[in-house]
Amino acid sequence: MSEDTDNKMSREDRLAAKLRENLRRRKAQAREIGSESRESGLPKEDAKS
């Protein structure tokens, strides 16, 4: 049974891989949203003086 667990990634490795995947996906979504707002000419935040 220990050979099977050695071949699989540890829990920490699996979690780290999922976190990296999630971060890449969220960054891509943020870039897409940012490019849409720039194309439409709408500011991201209201500029207050």
C-alpha atoms as a PDB file:
ATOM      1  CA  MET A   1       0.000   0.000   0.000  1.00  0.00           C
ATOM      2  CA  SER A   2       2.868   2.427   0.655  1.00  0.00           C
ATOM      3  CA  GLU A   3       4.029   2.103  -2.975  1.00  0.00           C
ATOM      4  CA  ASP A   4       0.671   3.411  -4.220  1.00  0.00           C
ATOM      5  CA  THR A   5       0.838   6.449  -1.965  1.00  0.00           C
ATOM      6  CA  ASP A   6       4.446   7.153  -2.998  1.00  0.00           C
ATOM      7  CA  ASN A   7       3.409   7.257  -6.668  1.00  0.00           C
ATOM      8  CA  LYS A   8       0.614   9.749  -6.002  1.00  0.00           C
ATOM      9  CA  MET A   9       1.171  13.387  -5.169  1.00  0.00           C
ATOM     10  CA  SER A  10       0.962  14.285  -1.520  1.00  0.00           C
ATOM     11  CA  ARG A  11      -2.003  16.255  -0.279  1.00  0.00           C
ATOM     12  CA  GLU A  12       0.100  19.400  -0.031  1.00  0.00           C
ATOM     13  CA  ASP A  13       1.330  18.966  -3.612  1.00  0.00           C
ATOM     14  CA  ARG A  14      -2.218  18.504  -4.902  1.00  0.00           C
ATOM     15  CA  LEU A  15      -3.433  21.564  -3.028  1.00  0.00           C
ATOM     16  CA  ALA A  16      -0.509  23.656  -4.268  1.00  0.00           C
ATOM     17  CA  ALA A  17      -1.196  22.599  -7.862  1.00  0.00           C
ATOM     18  CA  LYS A  18      -4.895  23.478  -7.510  1.00  0.00           C
ATOM     19  CA  LEU A  19      -4.023  26.865  -6.019  1.00  0.00           C
ATOM     20  CA  ARG A  20      -1.663  27.659  -8.905  1.00  0.00           C
ATOM     21  CA  GLU A  21      -4.323  26.605 -11.422  1.00  0.00           C
ATOM     22  CA  ASN A  22      -6.953  28.742  -9.686  1.00  0.00           C
ATOM     23  CA  LEU A  23      -4.613  31.738  -9.561  1.00  0.00           C
ATOM     24  CA  ARG A  24      -3.858  31.487 -13.290  1.00  0.00           C
ATOM     25  CA  ARG A  25      -7.573  31.253 -14.085  1.00  0.00           C
ATOM     26  CA  ARG A  26      -8.455  34.241 -11.911  1.00  0.00           C
ATOM     27  CA  LYS A  27      -5.645  36.341 -13.389  1.00  0.00           C
ATOM     28  CA  ALA A  28      -6.870  35.519 -16.888  1.00  0.00           C
ATOM     29  CA  GLN A  29     -10.411  36.520 -15.900  1.00  0.00           C
ATOM     30  CA  ALA A  30      -9.140  39.788 -14.398  1.00  0.00           C
ATOM     31  CA  ARG A  31      -7.191  40.586 -17.575  1.00  0.00           C
ATOM     32  CA  GLU A  32     -10.287  39.876 -19.667  1.00  0.00           C
ATOM     33  CA  ILE A  33     -12.466  42.093 -17.508  1.00  0.00           C
ATOM     34  CA  GLY A  34      -9.817  44.825 -17.571  1.00  0.00           C
ATOM     35  CA  SER A  35      -9.544  44.739 -21.337  1.00  0.00           C
ATOM     36  CA  GLU A  36     -13.327  44.913 -21.712  1.00  0.00           C
ATOM     37  CA  SER A  37     -13.551  48.012 -19.533  1.00  0.00           C
ATOM     38  CA  ARG A  38     -10.732  49.704 -21.463  1.00  0.00           C
ATOM     39  CA  GLU A  39     -12.381  48.922 -24.791  1.00  0.00           C
ATOM     40  CA  SER A  40     -15.718  50.349 -23.717  1.00  0.00           C
ATOM     41  CA  GLY A  41     -14.067  53.483 -22.350  1.00  0.00           C
ATOM     42  CA  LEU A  42     -15.406  53.019 -18.848  1.00  0.00           C
ATOM     43  CA  PRO A  43     -12.988  53.732 -16.008  1.00  0.00           C
ATOM     44  CA  LYS A  44     -12.257  50.925 -13.578  1.00  0.00           C
ATOM     45  CA  GLU A  45     -12.785  53.146 -10.542  1.00  0.00           C
ATOM     46  CA  ASP A  46     -14.490  56.472 -10.039  1.00  0.00           C
ATOM     47  CA  ALA A  47     -11.906  59.224  -9.857  1.00  0.00           C
ATOM     48  CA  LYS A  48     -12.636  61.378  -6.836  1.00  0.00           C
ATOM     49  CA  SER A  49     -10.834  64.678  -6.353  1.00  0.00           C
END
